[in-house]
Amino acid sequence: MITYHVFLDRTRLPDAADWARVIREAGFEVELNPDFAPASYSGYLPCPDDRTGFEYYLESFAEPTIEIGEHGAKVIGQRNSVASLRFSGRPSDRDAASAAAATLTAMSDGVLFDTEPGHFISAAEALAWARNERYQPIATYHRRAMRRKARLTPPIILRLLIILFLVVAIYWLRR
């Protein structure tokens, strides 16, 4: 699942009708249901039906996670809620989720976090991001590699020598 997070102040969360109107005014071909309650709704949100949509969750936000990182925590600032928009990766679902996330970010003066490249995007750049235009992230989360570098320690060298000895012995016995 791919997720877009919109960090915002809960008092600036728009109602669904205004959000749907702004999506249309911004030129996106997404039909957000104007009757859902953004402050309490959780689950799959069809746009306009089950063939296109995304999962929507609104949660309180207090402590940054390791996924957000130090730079992300700075740009999020005092925003107290996070709206998460998750989708499977189908192009129609991605278009609906990106349009909804970008307009929500712009309407609420939020910060959008695109988890795939690790970009934090300001409200001013969110619509350009959703339209696949050039945008400038305000912060980037760099994933740390979880692998350790291989080291030739004495136990590893001993194992390699044993394997080499066995290969040579098998070759010599077969001759």
N, C-alpha and C. Protein backbone atom coordinates (compact mmCIF):
# COMPACT_ATOMS: atom_id res chain seq x y z
N MET A 1 0.84 -1.19 0.00
CA MET A 1 0.00 0.00 0.00
C MET A 1 0.88 1.25 0.00
N ILE A 2 0.47 2.21 -0.76
CA ILE A 2 1.15 3.50 -0.81
C ILE A 2 0.34 4.47 0.02
N THR A 3 1.01 5.34 0.77
CA THR A 3 0.32 6.25 1.67
C THR A 3 0.81 7.68 1.49
N TYR A 4 -0.14 8.60 1.47
CA TYR A 4 0.15 10.03 1.55
C TYR A 4 -0.37 10.49 2.91
N HIS A 5 0.46 11.23 3.64
CA HIS A 5 0.06 11.77 4.94
C HIS A 5 -0.07 13.28 4.81
N VAL A 6 -1.15 13.82 5.33
CA VAL A 6 -1.32 15.27 5.38
C VAL A 6 -1.36 15.67 6.85
N PHE A 7 -0.33 16.41 7.28
CA PHE A 7 -0.27 16.90 8.65
C PHE A 7 -0.94 18.26 8.69
N LEU A 8 -1.89 18.42 9.60
CA LEU A 8 -2.68 19.65 9.64
C LEU A 8 -3.16 19.93 11.04
N ASP A 9 -3.64 21.15 11.26
CA ASP A 9 -4.31 21.52 12.50
C ASP A 9 -5.76 21.10 12.34
N ARG A 10 -6.27 20.30 13.28
CA ARG A 10 -7.62 19.75 13.16
C ARG A 10 -8.68 20.84 12.99
N THR A 11 -8.46 22.02 13.54
CA THR A 11 -9.45 23.09 13.41
C THR A 11 -9.56 23.60 11.98
N ARG A 12 -8.57 23.29 11.14
CA ARG A 12 -8.59 23.74 9.74
C ARG A 12 -9.08 22.66 8.78
N LEU A 13 -9.53 21.53 9.31
CA LEU A 13 -10.05 20.44 8.48
C LEU A 13 -11.35 20.90 7.81
N PRO A 14 -11.41 20.89 6.47
CA PRO A 14 -12.64 21.35 5.80
C PRO A 14 -13.73 20.29 5.86
N ASP A 15 -14.96 20.72 5.60
CA ASP A 15 -16.01 19.71 5.47
C ASP A 15 -15.93 19.11 4.07
N ALA A 16 -16.60 18.00 3.87
CA ALA A 16 -16.46 17.24 2.63
C ALA A 16 -16.95 18.02 1.41
N ALA A 17 -18.03 18.80 1.56
CA ALA A 17 -18.57 19.54 0.42
C ALA A 17 -17.57 20.58 -0.08
N ASP A 18 -16.93 21.31 0.84
CA ASP A 18 -15.92 22.30 0.44
C ASP A 18 -14.71 21.62 -0.19
N TRP A 19 -14.31 20.51 0.40
CA TRP A 19 -13.16 19.76 -0.12
C TRP A 19 -13.44 19.27 -1.54
N ALA A 20 -14.63 18.72 -1.77
CA ALA A 20 -15.01 18.23 -3.10
C ALA A 20 -15.05 19.39 -4.10
N ARG A 21 -15.55 20.54 -3.65
CA ARG A 21 -15.63 21.72 -4.53
C ARG A 21 -14.23 22.19 -4.94
N VAL A 22 -13.30 22.24 -4.00
CA VAL A 22 -11.95 22.70 -4.29
C VAL A 22 -11.23 21.71 -5.23
N ILE A 23 -11.49 20.42 -5.06
CA ILE A 23 -10.90 19.43 -5.96
C ILE A 23 -11.35 19.71 -7.40
N ARG A 24 -12.64 19.96 -7.59
CA ARG A 24 -13.16 20.25 -8.93
C ARG A 24 -12.61 21.58 -9.46
N GLU A 25 -12.59 22.61 -8.60
CA GLU A 25 -12.08 23.93 -9.02
C GLU A 25 -10.60 23.88 -9.39
N ALA A 26 -9.85 22.97 -8.77
CA ALA A 26 -8.42 22.83 -9.08
C ALA A 26 -8.20 22.08 -10.39
N GLY A 27 -9.27 21.57 -10.99
CA GLY A 27 -9.17 20.93 -12.29
C GLY A 27 -8.95 19.43 -12.26
N PHE A 28 -9.11 18.81 -11.11
CA PHE A 28 -8.93 17.37 -11.02
C PHE A 28 -10.22 16.65 -11.36
N GLU A 29 -10.10 15.52 -12.03
CA GLU A 29 -11.27 14.74 -12.41
C GLU A 29 -11.55 13.68 -11.36
N VAL A 30 -11.77 14.12 -10.14
CA VAL A 30 -12.03 13.24 -9.01
C VAL A 30 -13.34 13.67 -8.38
N GLU A 31 -14.19 12.72 -8.10
CA GLU A 31 -15.47 13.01 -7.47
C GLU A 31 -15.44 12.53 -6.03
N LEU A 32 -15.13 13.42 -5.12
CA LEU A 32 -15.13 13.12 -3.70
C LEU A 32 -16.56 13.20 -3.18
N ASN A 33 -16.96 12.22 -2.40
CA ASN A 33 -18.31 12.19 -1.85
C ASN A 33 -18.51 13.40 -0.93
N PRO A 34 -19.42 14.32 -1.25
CA PRO A 34 -19.59 15.52 -0.42
C PRO A 34 -20.36 15.27 0.87
N ASP A 35 -20.80 14.04 1.10
CA ASP A 35 -21.60 13.74 2.29
C ASP A 35 -20.82 13.03 3.40
N PHE A 36 -19.57 12.67 3.19
CA PHE A 36 -18.85 11.98 4.27
C PHE A 36 -18.34 13.00 5.29
N ALA A 37 -18.03 12.52 6.49
CA ALA A 37 -17.59 13.39 7.58
C ALA A 37 -16.08 13.22 7.78
N PRO A 38 -15.26 14.14 7.26
CA PRO A 38 -13.80 13.98 7.34
C PRO A 38 -13.25 13.86 8.76
N ALA A 39 -13.94 14.45 9.74
CA ALA A 39 -13.43 14.41 11.11
C ALA A 39 -13.64 13.06 11.79
N SER A 40 -14.59 12.26 11.28
CA SER A 40 -14.88 10.99 11.97
C SER A 40 -14.83 9.77 11.06
N TYR A 41 -14.77 9.95 9.76
CA TYR A 41 -14.81 8.83 8.83
C TYR A 41 -13.49 8.07 8.84
N SER A 42 -13.56 6.75 8.75
CA SER A 42 -12.39 5.89 8.59
C SER A 42 -12.75 4.75 7.67
N GLY A 43 -11.88 4.47 6.72
CA GLY A 43 -12.11 3.35 5.82
C GLY A 43 -12.01 3.75 4.37
N TYR A 44 -12.53 2.86 3.51
CA TYR A 44 -12.46 3.09 2.08
C TYR A 44 -13.41 4.20 1.66
N LEU A 45 -12.89 5.14 0.89
CA LEU A 45 -13.68 6.27 0.41
C LEU A 45 -13.79 6.18 -1.10
N PRO A 46 -14.94 5.75 -1.63
CA PRO A 46 -15.09 5.64 -3.08
C PRO A 46 -15.14 7.02 -3.74
N CYS A 47 -14.54 7.12 -4.94
CA CYS A 47 -14.47 8.39 -5.67
C CYS A 47 -14.78 8.17 -7.14
N PRO A 48 -15.91 8.08 -7.66
CA PRO A 48 -17.23 8.18 -7.04
C PRO A 48 -17.81 6.83 -6.64
N ASP A 49 -17.20 5.73 -7.11
CA ASP A 49 -17.74 4.41 -6.78
C ASP A 49 -16.59 3.49 -6.41
N ASP A 50 -16.85 2.21 -6.21
CA ASP A 50 -15.84 1.27 -5.74
C ASP A 50 -14.71 1.00 -6.72
N ARG A 51 -14.85 1.44 -7.97
CA ARG A 51 -13.77 1.22 -8.95
C ARG A 51 -12.60 2.16 -8.75
N THR A 52 -12.81 3.28 -8.07
CA THR A 52 -11.77 4.26 -7.79
C THR A 52 -11.95 4.78 -6.38
N GLY A 53 -10.86 4.91 -5.67
CA GLY A 53 -10.93 5.46 -4.32
C GLY A 53 -9.68 5.19 -3.53
N PHE A 54 -9.74 5.45 -2.24
CA PHE A 54 -8.61 5.28 -1.35
C PHE A 54 -9.13 5.12 0.06
N GLU A 55 -8.27 4.62 0.94
CA GLU A 55 -8.61 4.53 2.34
C GLU A 55 -8.25 5.86 3.00
N TYR A 56 -9.12 6.32 3.89
CA TYR A 56 -8.94 7.61 4.56
C TYR A 56 -9.01 7.40 6.07
N TYR A 57 -8.01 7.95 6.77
CA TYR A 57 -7.99 7.87 8.23
C TYR A 57 -7.50 9.21 8.77
N LEU A 58 -8.14 9.70 9.81
CA LEU A 58 -7.70 10.92 10.48
C LEU A 58 -7.36 10.56 11.92
N GLU A 59 -6.15 10.90 12.33
CA GLU A 59 -5.69 10.56 13.67
C GLU A 59 -5.02 11.77 14.31
N SER A 60 -4.96 11.75 15.62
CA SER A 60 -4.21 12.78 16.34
C SER A 60 -2.73 12.56 16.10
N PHE A 61 -1.98 13.64 16.13
CA PHE A 61 -0.54 13.56 15.92
C PHE A 61 0.15 14.36 17.01
N ALA A 62 1.06 13.68 17.74
CA ALA A 62 1.78 14.37 18.80
C ALA A 62 3.29 14.16 18.68
N GLU A 63 3.69 12.91 18.51
CA GLU A 63 5.11 12.58 18.46
C GLU A 63 5.51 12.09 17.08
N PRO A 64 6.57 12.66 16.51
CA PRO A 64 7.03 12.17 15.21
C PRO A 64 7.60 10.76 15.32
N THR A 65 7.37 9.97 14.30
CA THR A 65 7.90 8.61 14.26
C THR A 65 9.27 8.63 13.58
N ILE A 66 9.94 7.49 13.61
CA ILE A 66 11.25 7.39 12.96
C ILE A 66 11.12 7.59 11.45
N GLU A 67 9.95 7.23 10.89
CA GLU A 67 9.73 7.40 9.45
C GLU A 67 9.73 8.88 9.06
N ILE A 68 9.34 9.74 9.97
CA ILE A 68 9.27 11.18 9.69
C ILE A 68 10.65 11.81 9.77
N GLY A 69 11.45 11.41 10.73
CA GLY A 69 12.79 11.95 10.86
C GLY A 69 12.82 13.34 11.48
N GLU A 70 14.02 13.81 11.74
CA GLU A 70 14.22 15.09 12.41
C GLU A 70 13.78 16.27 11.54
N HIS A 71 14.14 16.26 10.26
CA HIS A 71 13.78 17.37 9.38
C HIS A 71 12.27 17.42 9.15
N GLY A 72 11.65 16.26 9.02
CA GLY A 72 10.20 16.22 8.87
C GLY A 72 9.48 16.77 10.08
N ALA A 73 9.97 16.44 11.27
CA ALA A 73 9.35 16.94 12.50
C ALA A 73 9.41 18.47 12.55
N LYS A 74 10.50 19.04 12.06
CA LYS A 74 10.63 20.50 12.06
C LYS A 74 9.61 21.16 11.14
N VAL A 75 9.41 20.60 9.94
CA VAL A 75 8.48 21.25 9.01
C VAL A 75 7.02 20.99 9.39
N ILE A 76 6.75 19.89 10.08
CA ILE A 76 5.38 19.63 10.54
C ILE A 76 5.00 20.62 11.63
N GLY A 77 5.94 20.95 12.47
CA GLY A 77 5.71 21.95 13.51
C GLY A 77 4.65 21.53 14.51
N GLN A 78 3.72 22.45 14.80
CA GLN A 78 2.71 22.24 15.82
C GLN A 78 1.41 21.63 15.30
N ARG A 79 1.41 21.12 14.08
CA ARG A 79 0.19 20.51 13.54
C ARG A 79 -0.18 19.29 14.38
N ASN A 80 -1.46 19.17 14.73
CA ASN A 80 -1.87 18.18 15.72
C ASN A 80 -2.64 16.98 15.17
N SER A 81 -2.79 16.89 13.87
CA SER A 81 -3.52 15.77 13.26
C SER A 81 -2.84 15.32 11.99
N VAL A 82 -3.12 14.08 11.60
CA VAL A 82 -2.59 13.56 10.34
C VAL A 82 -3.71 12.80 9.64
N ALA A 83 -3.95 13.18 8.39
CA ALA A 83 -4.89 12.45 7.54
C ALA A 83 -4.06 11.55 6.65
N SER A 84 -4.35 10.26 6.70
CA SER A 84 -3.61 9.28 5.89
C SER A 84 -4.50 8.80 4.76
N LEU A 85 -4.00 8.87 3.54
CA LEU A 85 -4.72 8.42 2.36
C LEU A 85 -3.92 7.28 1.76
N ARG A 86 -4.48 6.06 1.81
CA ARG A 86 -3.78 4.85 1.35
C ARG A 86 -4.47 4.29 0.13
N PHE A 87 -3.66 3.76 -0.78
CA PHE A 87 -4.24 3.17 -1.99
C PHE A 87 -3.35 2.04 -2.48
N SER A 88 -3.90 1.26 -3.39
CA SER A 88 -3.23 0.04 -3.84
C SER A 88 -2.18 0.26 -4.92
N GLY A 89 -2.20 1.34 -5.60
CA GLY A 89 -1.24 1.58 -6.66
C GLY A 89 -1.85 1.65 -8.04
N ARG A 90 -3.17 1.37 -8.15
CA ARG A 90 -3.81 1.54 -9.46
C ARG A 90 -3.75 3.02 -9.83
N PRO A 91 -3.54 3.33 -11.11
CA PRO A 91 -3.43 4.74 -11.51
C PRO A 91 -4.65 5.58 -11.12
N SER A 92 -5.85 5.04 -11.24
CA SER A 92 -7.04 5.81 -10.90
C SER A 92 -7.09 6.09 -9.39
N ASP A 93 -6.68 5.12 -8.57
CA ASP A 93 -6.64 5.33 -7.12
C ASP A 93 -5.58 6.34 -6.75
N ARG A 94 -4.42 6.26 -7.41
CA ARG A 94 -3.33 7.22 -7.15
C ARG A 94 -3.78 8.63 -7.50
N ASP A 95 -4.46 8.79 -8.65
CA ASP A 95 -4.92 10.12 -9.05
C ASP A 95 -5.91 10.68 -8.04
N ALA A 96 -6.83 9.84 -7.57
CA ALA A 96 -7.82 10.30 -6.59
C ALA A 96 -7.16 10.67 -5.28
N ALA A 97 -6.25 9.82 -4.80
CA ALA A 97 -5.59 10.09 -3.53
C ALA A 97 -4.68 11.31 -3.61
N SER A 98 -3.95 11.48 -4.71
CA SER A 98 -3.05 12.64 -4.81
C SER A 98 -3.84 13.94 -4.93
N ALA A 99 -4.94 13.93 -5.68
CA ALA A 99 -5.77 15.14 -5.79
C ALA A 99 -6.37 15.49 -4.43
N ALA A 100 -6.87 14.50 -3.73
CA ALA A 100 -7.47 14.74 -2.41
C ALA A 100 -6.42 15.21 -1.41
N ALA A 101 -5.26 14.57 -1.40
CA ALA A 101 -4.20 14.95 -0.46
C ALA A 101 -3.69 16.37 -0.74
N ALA A 102 -3.49 16.68 -2.01
CA ALA A 102 -2.96 18.01 -2.37
C ALA A 102 -3.94 19.12 -2.02
N THR A 103 -5.21 18.91 -2.33
CA THR A 103 -6.20 19.96 -2.03
C THR A 103 -6.41 20.09 -0.52
N LEU A 104 -6.40 18.97 0.20
CA LEU A 104 -6.51 19.05 1.66
C LEU A 104 -5.33 19.81 2.24
N THR A 105 -4.14 19.55 1.73
CA THR A 105 -2.94 20.25 2.19
C THR A 105 -3.06 21.74 1.92
N ALA A 106 -3.48 22.11 0.73
CA ALA A 106 -3.61 23.52 0.36
C ALA A 106 -4.69 24.22 1.19
N MET A 107 -5.83 23.55 1.39
CA MET A 107 -6.93 24.15 2.13
C MET A 107 -6.63 24.35 3.62
N SER A 108 -5.83 23.45 4.18
CA SER A 108 -5.59 23.49 5.63
C SER A 108 -4.24 24.06 6.01
N ASP A 109 -3.48 24.55 5.03
CA ASP A 109 -2.12 25.01 5.25
C ASP A 109 -1.32 23.91 5.94
N GLY A 110 -1.48 22.70 5.42
CA GLY A 110 -0.83 21.54 5.99
C GLY A 110 0.51 21.25 5.36
N VAL A 111 1.06 20.11 5.71
CA VAL A 111 2.30 19.60 5.13
C VAL A 111 2.01 18.20 4.63
N LEU A 112 2.28 17.96 3.37
CA LEU A 112 2.05 16.66 2.75
C LEU A 112 3.33 15.85 2.79
N PHE A 113 3.22 14.57 3.20
CA PHE A 113 4.37 13.67 3.20
C PHE A 113 4.08 12.53 2.24
N ASP A 114 4.82 12.49 1.13
CA ASP A 114 4.73 11.41 0.15
C ASP A 114 5.74 10.36 0.59
N THR A 115 5.26 9.22 1.05
CA THR A 115 6.15 8.21 1.63
C THR A 115 7.06 7.54 0.62
N GLU A 116 6.68 7.50 -0.65
CA GLU A 116 7.52 6.81 -1.65
C GLU A 116 8.88 7.49 -1.81
N PRO A 117 8.94 8.77 -2.20
CA PRO A 117 10.27 9.40 -2.30
C PRO A 117 10.74 9.99 -0.98
N GLY A 118 9.84 10.05 0.03
CA GLY A 118 10.20 10.64 1.31
C GLY A 118 10.17 12.16 1.29
N HIS A 119 9.34 12.75 0.44
CA HIS A 119 9.27 14.20 0.31
C HIS A 119 8.20 14.81 1.20
N PHE A 120 8.56 15.88 1.89
CA PHE A 120 7.61 16.71 2.61
C PHE A 120 7.31 17.90 1.71
N ILE A 121 6.04 18.18 1.47
CA ILE A 121 5.64 19.18 0.49
C ILE A 121 4.76 20.22 1.16
N SER A 122 5.07 21.49 0.92
CA SER A 122 4.31 22.57 1.54
C SER A 122 2.95 22.73 0.87
N ALA A 123 2.08 23.48 1.52
CA ALA A 123 0.75 23.75 0.97
C ALA A 123 0.86 24.48 -0.37
N ALA A 124 1.84 25.36 -0.51
CA ALA A 124 2.00 26.12 -1.74
C ALA A 124 2.44 25.25 -2.91
N GLU A 125 3.12 24.15 -2.65
CA GLU A 125 3.64 23.27 -3.70
C GLU A 125 2.78 22.03 -3.94
N ALA A 126 1.77 21.81 -3.10
CA ALA A 126 1.01 20.55 -3.14
C ALA A 126 0.26 20.34 -4.46
N LEU A 127 -0.35 21.38 -4.99
CA LEU A 127 -1.09 21.20 -6.24
C LEU A 127 -0.15 20.89 -7.41
N ALA A 128 1.01 21.52 -7.42
CA ALA A 128 2.00 21.20 -8.47
C ALA A 128 2.44 19.75 -8.35
N TRP A 129 2.64 19.27 -7.12
CA TRP A 129 3.00 17.86 -6.89
C TRP A 129 1.93 16.93 -7.45
N ALA A 130 0.66 17.22 -7.16
CA ALA A 130 -0.44 16.36 -7.62
C ALA A 130 -0.58 16.37 -9.14
N ARG A 131 -0.19 17.45 -9.77
CA ARG A 131 -0.29 17.54 -11.24
C ARG A 131 0.98 17.02 -11.92
N ASN A 132 1.89 16.47 -11.15
CA ASN A 132 3.17 15.96 -11.66
C ASN A 132 3.98 17.06 -12.32
N GLU A 133 3.85 18.26 -11.79
CA GLU A 133 4.66 19.39 -12.25
C GLU A 133 5.88 19.49 -11.34
N ARG A 134 6.78 20.36 -11.71
CA ARG A 134 7.99 20.57 -10.90
C ARG A 134 7.58 21.21 -9.56
N TYR A 135 8.08 20.63 -8.49
CA TYR A 135 7.84 21.17 -7.16
C TYR A 135 9.11 21.05 -6.34
N GLN A 136 9.19 21.81 -5.28
CA GLN A 136 10.37 21.79 -4.42
C GLN A 136 9.96 21.28 -3.04
N PRO A 137 10.43 20.09 -2.64
CA PRO A 137 10.10 19.62 -1.28
C PRO A 137 10.74 20.51 -0.22
N ILE A 138 10.06 20.66 0.90
CA ILE A 138 10.61 21.49 1.97
C ILE A 138 11.52 20.68 2.89
N ALA A 139 11.43 19.35 2.80
CA ALA A 139 12.32 18.45 3.54
C ALA A 139 12.25 17.09 2.87
N THR A 140 13.27 16.30 3.09
CA THR A 140 13.32 14.95 2.53
C THR A 140 13.77 13.99 3.63
N TYR A 141 13.05 12.89 3.73
CA TYR A 141 13.45 11.84 4.66
C TYR A 141 14.31 10.84 3.90
N HIS A 142 15.52 10.64 4.37
CA HIS A 142 16.44 9.68 3.73
C HIS A 142 16.42 8.39 4.55
N ARG A 143 16.00 7.33 3.91
CA ARG A 143 15.96 6.03 4.59
C ARG A 143 17.38 5.54 4.83
N ARG A 144 17.58 5.01 5.99
CA ARG A 144 18.89 4.43 6.30
C ARG A 144 18.90 2.98 5.87
N ALA A 145 20.01 2.57 5.33
CA ALA A 145 20.16 1.17 4.94
C ALA A 145 20.20 0.31 6.19
N MET A 146 19.47 -0.79 6.16
CA MET A 146 19.41 -1.67 7.31
C MET A 146 20.49 -2.75 7.27
N ARG A 147 21.19 -2.88 6.15
CA ARG A 147 22.20 -3.91 6.04
C ARG A 147 23.52 -3.45 6.63
N ARG A 148 24.22 -4.37 7.25
CA ARG A 148 25.56 -4.08 7.73
C ARG A 148 26.55 -4.42 6.64
N LYS A 149 27.66 -3.77 6.66
CA LYS A 149 28.72 -4.10 5.70
C LYS A 149 29.33 -5.44 6.08
N ALA A 150 29.62 -6.24 5.06
CA ALA A 150 30.24 -7.55 5.31
C ALA A 150 31.68 -7.34 5.77
N ARG A 151 32.04 -8.09 6.77
CA ARG A 151 33.41 -8.02 7.28
C ARG A 151 34.00 -9.42 7.28
N LEU A 152 35.25 -9.50 6.94
CA LEU A 152 35.95 -10.79 6.98
C LEU A 152 36.51 -10.99 8.38
N THR A 153 35.69 -11.52 9.24
CA THR A 153 36.10 -11.80 10.61
C THR A 153 36.73 -13.19 10.65
N PRO A 154 37.50 -13.51 11.69
CA PRO A 154 38.12 -14.85 11.78
C PRO A 154 37.13 -16.01 11.62
N PRO A 155 35.94 -16.00 12.23
CA PRO A 155 35.03 -17.13 12.01
C PRO A 155 34.58 -17.26 10.55
N ILE A 156 34.39 -16.15 9.87
CA ILE A 156 33.99 -16.21 8.46
C ILE A 156 35.13 -16.74 7.61
N ILE A 157 36.37 -16.30 7.89
CA ILE A 157 37.54 -16.79 7.15
C ILE A 157 37.69 -18.29 7.36
N LEU A 158 37.51 -18.76 8.60
CA LEU A 158 37.62 -20.18 8.89
C LEU A 158 36.57 -20.98 8.11
N ARG A 159 35.34 -20.50 8.05
CA ARG A 159 34.28 -21.18 7.29
C ARG A 159 34.62 -21.24 5.81
N LEU A 160 35.12 -20.15 5.27
CA LEU A 160 35.49 -20.13 3.85
C LEU A 160 36.62 -21.11 3.55
N LEU A 161 37.59 -21.22 4.46
CA LEU A 161 38.69 -22.17 4.27
C LEU A 161 38.19 -23.61 4.33
N ILE A 162 37.26 -23.90 5.23
CA ILE A 162 36.68 -25.25 5.32
C ILE A 162 35.94 -25.59 4.03
N ILE A 163 35.15 -24.65 3.52
CA ILE A 163 34.43 -24.88 2.27
C ILE A 163 35.40 -25.11 1.13
N LEU A 164 36.45 -24.31 1.05
CA LEU A 164 37.46 -24.47 0.01
C LEU A 164 38.14 -25.84 0.12
N PHE A 165 38.49 -26.24 1.35
CA PHE A 165 39.09 -27.55 1.55
C PHE A 165 38.16 -28.67 1.09
N LEU A 166 36.87 -28.59 1.42
CA LEU A 166 35.91 -29.62 1.01
C LEU A 166 35.77 -29.69 -0.51
N VAL A 167 35.74 -28.56 -1.16
CA VAL A 167 35.62 -28.54 -2.62
C VAL A 167 36.85 -29.19 -3.25
N VAL A 168 38.04 -28.86 -2.76
CA VAL A 168 39.27 -29.45 -3.29
C VAL A 168 39.30 -30.95 -3.01
N ALA A 169 38.89 -31.36 -1.81
CA ALA A 169 38.89 -32.79 -1.47
C ALA A 169 37.92 -33.57 -2.35
N ILE A 170 36.75 -33.04 -2.58
CA ILE A 170 35.77 -33.72 -3.44
C ILE A 170 36.30 -33.81 -4.86
N TYR A 171 36.91 -32.77 -5.36
CA TYR A 171 37.48 -32.79 -6.70
C TYR A 171 38.58 -33.85 -6.79
N TRP A 172 39.49 -33.91 -5.79
CA TRP A 172 40.61 -34.85 -5.80
C TRP A 172 40.12 -36.30 -5.70
N LEU A 173 39.06 -36.55 -4.89
CA LEU A 173 38.53 -37.90 -4.75
C LEU A 173 37.82 -38.39 -6.01
N ARG A 174 37.25 -37.52 -6.77
CA ARG A 174 36.53 -37.90 -7.99
C ARG A 174 37.47 -38.18 -9.15
N ARG A 175 38.69 -37.77 -9.09
CA ARG A 175 39.66 -37.99 -10.19
C ARG A 175 40.10 -39.37 -10.27
